[in-house]
Structure formats: C-alpha cells, structure tokens
C-alpha cells in the first residue's frame, strides 16, 4: 500500500490534475493514440469530488477553484447528484492532456525533467 501512496504522490507532483483524474500515466505513441482515442474517452469514468480532493491533497477551497476553472474552460464536465459532484474529462480535456504529454516527452528528449 505504501508503494501505491508514493506513486500517487509522485504522479501528483509530476502530473497535477492529470494524475488526479486517473488518466493513464504513460503518454501514448501517436499511432496508438489514433487507434485508442475514442475508446479512451468512452472508458473515462466519472470521479466524485471527494475522491479528487483526497488524491490531489489540496485544501477544499483551492480544489474547487481549480475544478471550476477546468469546467469553465470545458476541459471537465460537472454533474451534480444530491450532495455529490461528479467530474469527467471532456474530449477537449483529453486533447489538452495529450498535448501536455507530447510537450513533456519533447522536453524529456533533451534530458530535462518537469
């Protein structure tokens, strides 16, 4: 269990909201992405705000500020059910993540870690 906690902490440092939302850690190769683009979005699950809060290790007010910004930029969709709010990545959000991963891979190609 400790290994999993350490991995999540490292993901959080490296990938921010990308890691928190449970998107695959490894960037897809361009050809793989083309084949799996639709399947990846369809397999995205909604995640409840409390789970994001626990995984992000942020104060609630800071988290809600970031989530609202992502919703306003149409990178996340928000759905309210009772007292719970659920979030899921939009196609635009997945495209953004793909572009971030490509940029990260490009930078790592020069021996620079983010």
C-alpha atoms as a PDB file:
ATOM      1  CA  UNK A   1       0.000   0.000   0.000  1.00  0.00           C
ATOM      2  CA  UNK A   2       2.845   2.363   0.779  1.00  0.00           C
ATOM      3  CA  UNK A   3       4.250   1.924  -2.727  1.00  0.00           C
ATOM      4  CA  UNK A   4       0.874   2.965  -4.166  1.00  0.00           C
ATOM      5  CA  UNK A   5       0.812   6.096  -1.946  1.00  0.00           C
ATOM      6  CA  UNK A   6       4.341   7.022  -3.027  1.00  0.00           C
ATOM      7  CA  UNK A   7       3.395   6.512  -6.687  1.00  0.00           C
ATOM      8  CA  UNK A   8       0.332   8.747  -6.298  1.00  0.00           C
ATOM      9  CA  UNK A   9       2.402  11.440  -4.578  1.00  0.00           C
ATOM     10  CA  UNK A  10       4.949  11.341  -7.413  1.00  0.00           C
ATOM     11  CA  UNK A  11       2.163  11.477 -10.016  1.00  0.00           C
ATOM     12  CA  UNK A  12       0.635  14.429  -8.232  1.00  0.00           C
ATOM     13  CA  UNK A  13       3.952  16.298  -8.295  1.00  0.00           C
ATOM     14  CA  UNK A  14       4.554  15.463 -11.943  1.00  0.00           C
ATOM     15  CA  UNK A  15       1.110  15.427 -13.466  1.00  0.00           C
ATOM     16  CA  UNK A  16      -1.110  17.596 -11.298  1.00  0.00           C
ATOM     17  CA  UNK A  17      -4.752  17.258 -12.254  1.00  0.00           C
ATOM     18  CA  UNK A  18      -3.848  14.782 -14.992  1.00  0.00           C
ATOM     19  CA  UNK A  19      -2.682  12.293 -12.388  1.00  0.00           C
ATOM     20  CA  UNK A  20      -5.513  13.099 -10.026  1.00  0.00           C
ATOM     21  CA  UNK A  21      -8.166  12.359 -12.608  1.00  0.00           C
ATOM     22  CA  UNK A  22      -6.738   8.896 -13.166  1.00  0.00           C
ATOM     23  CA  UNK A  23      -5.597   9.282 -16.743  1.00  0.00           C
ATOM     24  CA  UNK A  24      -3.006   6.737 -17.889  1.00  0.00           C
ATOM     25  CA  UNK A  25       0.457   7.721 -16.729  1.00  0.00           C
ATOM     26  CA  UNK A  26       2.369   6.832 -19.886  1.00  0.00           C
ATOM     27  CA  UNK A  27       1.834   9.002 -22.952  1.00  0.00           C
ATOM     28  CA  UNK A  28       0.502   7.083 -25.912  1.00  0.00           C
ATOM     29  CA  UNK A  29       2.574   6.890 -29.056  1.00  0.00           C
ATOM     30  CA  UNK A  30       0.969   8.834 -31.894  1.00  0.00           C
ATOM     31  CA  UNK A  31      -0.258   5.711 -33.723  1.00  0.00           C
ATOM     32  CA  UNK A  32      -1.569   4.162 -30.502  1.00  0.00           C
ATOM     33  CA  UNK A  33      -3.452   7.362 -29.721  1.00  0.00           C
ATOM     34  CA  UNK A  34      -5.158   7.363 -33.095  1.00  0.00           C
ATOM     35  CA  UNK A  35      -6.375   3.793 -32.552  1.00  0.00           C
ATOM     36  CA  UNK A  36      -7.474   4.296 -28.951  1.00  0.00           C
ATOM     37  CA  UNK A  37      -8.698   7.899 -28.919  1.00  0.00           C
ATOM     38  CA  UNK A  38     -12.421   7.137 -28.881  1.00  0.00           C
ATOM     39  CA  UNK A  39     -12.083   4.093 -26.627  1.00  0.00           C
ATOM     40  CA  UNK A  40     -10.059   6.064 -24.076  1.00  0.00           C
ATOM     41  CA  UNK A  41     -12.715   8.747 -23.678  1.00  0.00           C
ATOM     42  CA  UNK A  42     -15.548   6.243 -23.535  1.00  0.00           C
ATOM     43  CA  UNK A  43     -13.724   4.346 -20.796  1.00  0.00           C
ATOM     44  CA  UNK A  44     -13.263   7.501 -18.711  1.00  0.00           C
ATOM     45  CA  UNK A  45     -15.278   7.218 -15.563  1.00  0.00           C
ATOM     46  CA  UNK A  46     -16.840   9.952 -13.573  1.00  0.00           C
ATOM     47  CA  UNK A  47     -14.975  10.735 -10.406  1.00  0.00           C
ATOM     48  CA  UNK A  48     -16.589  12.188  -7.319  1.00  0.00           C
ATOM     49  CA  UNK A  49     -15.234  15.446  -5.936  1.00  0.00           C
ATOM     50  CA  UNK A  50     -14.273  13.836  -2.609  1.00  0.00           C
ATOM     51  CA  UNK A  51     -12.022  11.316  -4.375  1.00  0.00           C
ATOM     52  CA  UNK A  52     -10.323  14.117  -6.308  1.00  0.00           C
ATOM     53  CA  UNK A  53      -9.863  16.010  -3.048  1.00  0.00           C
ATOM     54  CA  UNK A  54      -8.196  13.014  -1.399  1.00  0.00           C
ATOM     55  CA  UNK A  55      -5.953  12.245  -4.368  1.00  0.00           C
ATOM     56  CA  UNK A  56      -4.970  15.870  -5.027  1.00  0.00           C
ATOM     57  CA  UNK A  57      -4.079  16.550  -1.404  1.00  0.00           C
ATOM     58  CA  UNK A  58      -5.345  20.132  -1.708  1.00  0.00           C
ATOM     59  CA  UNK A  59      -7.472  22.265   0.562  1.00  0.00           C
ATOM     60  CA  UNK A  60     -11.136  22.112  -0.459  1.00  0.00           C
ATOM     61  CA  UNK A  61     -11.362  25.798  -1.436  1.00  0.00           C
ATOM     62  CA  UNK A  62      -8.274  25.542  -3.667  1.00  0.00           C
ATOM     63  CA  UNK A  63      -9.559  22.347  -5.280  1.00  0.00           C
ATOM     64  CA  UNK A  64     -12.977  23.824  -6.065  1.00  0.00           C
ATOM     65  CA  UNK A  65     -11.300  26.882  -7.588  1.00  0.00           C
ATOM     66  CA  UNK A  66      -9.208  24.664  -9.889  1.00  0.00           C
ATOM     67  CA  UNK A  67     -12.135  22.406 -10.794  1.00  0.00           C
ATOM     68  CA  UNK A  68     -14.332  25.382 -11.653  1.00  0.00           C
ATOM     69  CA  UNK A  69     -11.588  26.779 -13.880  1.00  0.00           C
ATOM     70  CA  UNK A  70     -11.303  23.442 -15.700  1.00  0.00           C
ATOM     71  CA  UNK A  71     -15.097  23.301 -16.105  1.00  0.00           C
ATOM     72  CA  UNK A  72     -15.212  26.903 -17.394  1.00  0.00           C
ATOM     73  CA  UNK A  73     -12.544  26.030 -19.978  1.00  0.00           C
ATOM     74  CA  UNK A  74     -14.589  22.956 -20.967  1.00  0.00           C
ATOM     75  CA  UNK A  75     -11.820  20.532 -20.001  1.00  0.00           C
ATOM     76  CA  UNK A  76     -14.092  18.849 -17.442  1.00  0.00           C
ATOM     77  CA  UNK A  77     -17.819  18.239 -17.265  1.00  0.00           C
ATOM     78  CA  UNK A  78     -19.511  18.578 -13.903  1.00  0.00           C
ATOM     79  CA  UNK A  79     -22.650  16.762 -12.805  1.00  0.00           C
ATOM     80  CA  UNK A  80     -24.474  17.284  -9.506  1.00  0.00           C
ATOM     81  CA  UNK A  81     -26.353  14.391  -7.934  1.00  0.00           C
ATOM     82  CA  UNK A  82     -27.722  15.050  -4.479  1.00  0.00           C
ATOM     83  CA  UNK A  83     -24.898  16.405  -2.347  1.00  0.00           C
ATOM     84  CA  UNK A  84     -22.193  14.959  -4.605  1.00  0.00           C
ATOM     85  CA  UNK A  85     -20.495  16.497  -7.615  1.00  0.00           C
ATOM     86  CA  UNK A  86     -19.013  14.265 -10.295  1.00  0.00           C
ATOM     87  CA  UNK A  87     -16.429  15.176 -12.918  1.00  0.00           C
ATOM     88  CA  UNK A  88     -15.384  13.578 -16.180  1.00  0.00           C
ATOM     89  CA  UNK A  89     -12.856  14.673 -18.789  1.00  0.00           C
ATOM     90  CA  UNK A  90     -14.308  16.113 -21.973  1.00  0.00           C
ATOM     91  CA  UNK A  91     -12.845  15.402 -25.426  1.00  0.00           C
ATOM     92  CA  UNK A  92     -11.210  18.841 -25.222  1.00  0.00           C
ATOM     93  CA  UNK A  93      -9.735  17.870 -21.826  1.00  0.00           C
ATOM     94  CA  UNK A  94      -8.302  14.660 -23.249  1.00  0.00           C
ATOM     95  CA  UNK A  95      -6.821  16.582 -26.180  1.00  0.00           C
ATOM     96  CA  UNK A  96      -5.229  19.004 -23.719  1.00  0.00           C
ATOM     97  CA  UNK A  97      -3.728  16.129 -21.725  1.00  0.00           C
ATOM     98  CA  UNK A  98      -2.401  14.549 -24.913  1.00  0.00           C
ATOM     99  CA  UNK A  99      -0.728  17.845 -25.866  1.00  0.00           C
ATOM    100  CA  UNK A 100       0.799  18.203 -22.401  1.00  0.00           C
ATOM    101  CA  UNK A 101       2.175  14.664 -22.646  1.00  0.00           C
ATOM    102  CA  UNK A 102       3.657  15.369 -26.072  1.00  0.00           C
ATOM    103  CA  UNK A 103       5.309  18.527 -24.749  1.00  0.00           C
ATOM    104  CA  UNK A 104       6.625  16.622 -21.739  1.00  0.00           C
ATOM    105  CA  UNK A 105       8.064  13.876 -23.979  1.00  0.00           C
ATOM    106  CA  UNK A 106       9.680  16.541 -26.180  1.00  0.00           C
ATOM    107  CA  UNK A 107      11.319  18.233 -23.177  1.00  0.00           C
ATOM    108  CA  UNK A 108      12.459  14.890 -21.736  1.00  0.00           C
ATOM    109  CA  UNK A 109      14.126  14.207 -25.099  1.00  0.00           C
ATOM    110  CA  UNK A 110      16.549  16.981 -24.167  1.00  0.00           C
ATOM    111  CA  UNK A 111      17.227  15.421 -20.780  1.00  0.00           C
ATOM    112  CA  UNK A 112      15.072  17.920 -18.877  1.00  0.00           C
ATOM    113  CA  UNK A 113      12.545  16.631 -16.380  1.00  0.00           C
ATOM    114  CA  UNK A 114       9.489  18.601 -15.441  1.00  0.00           C
END
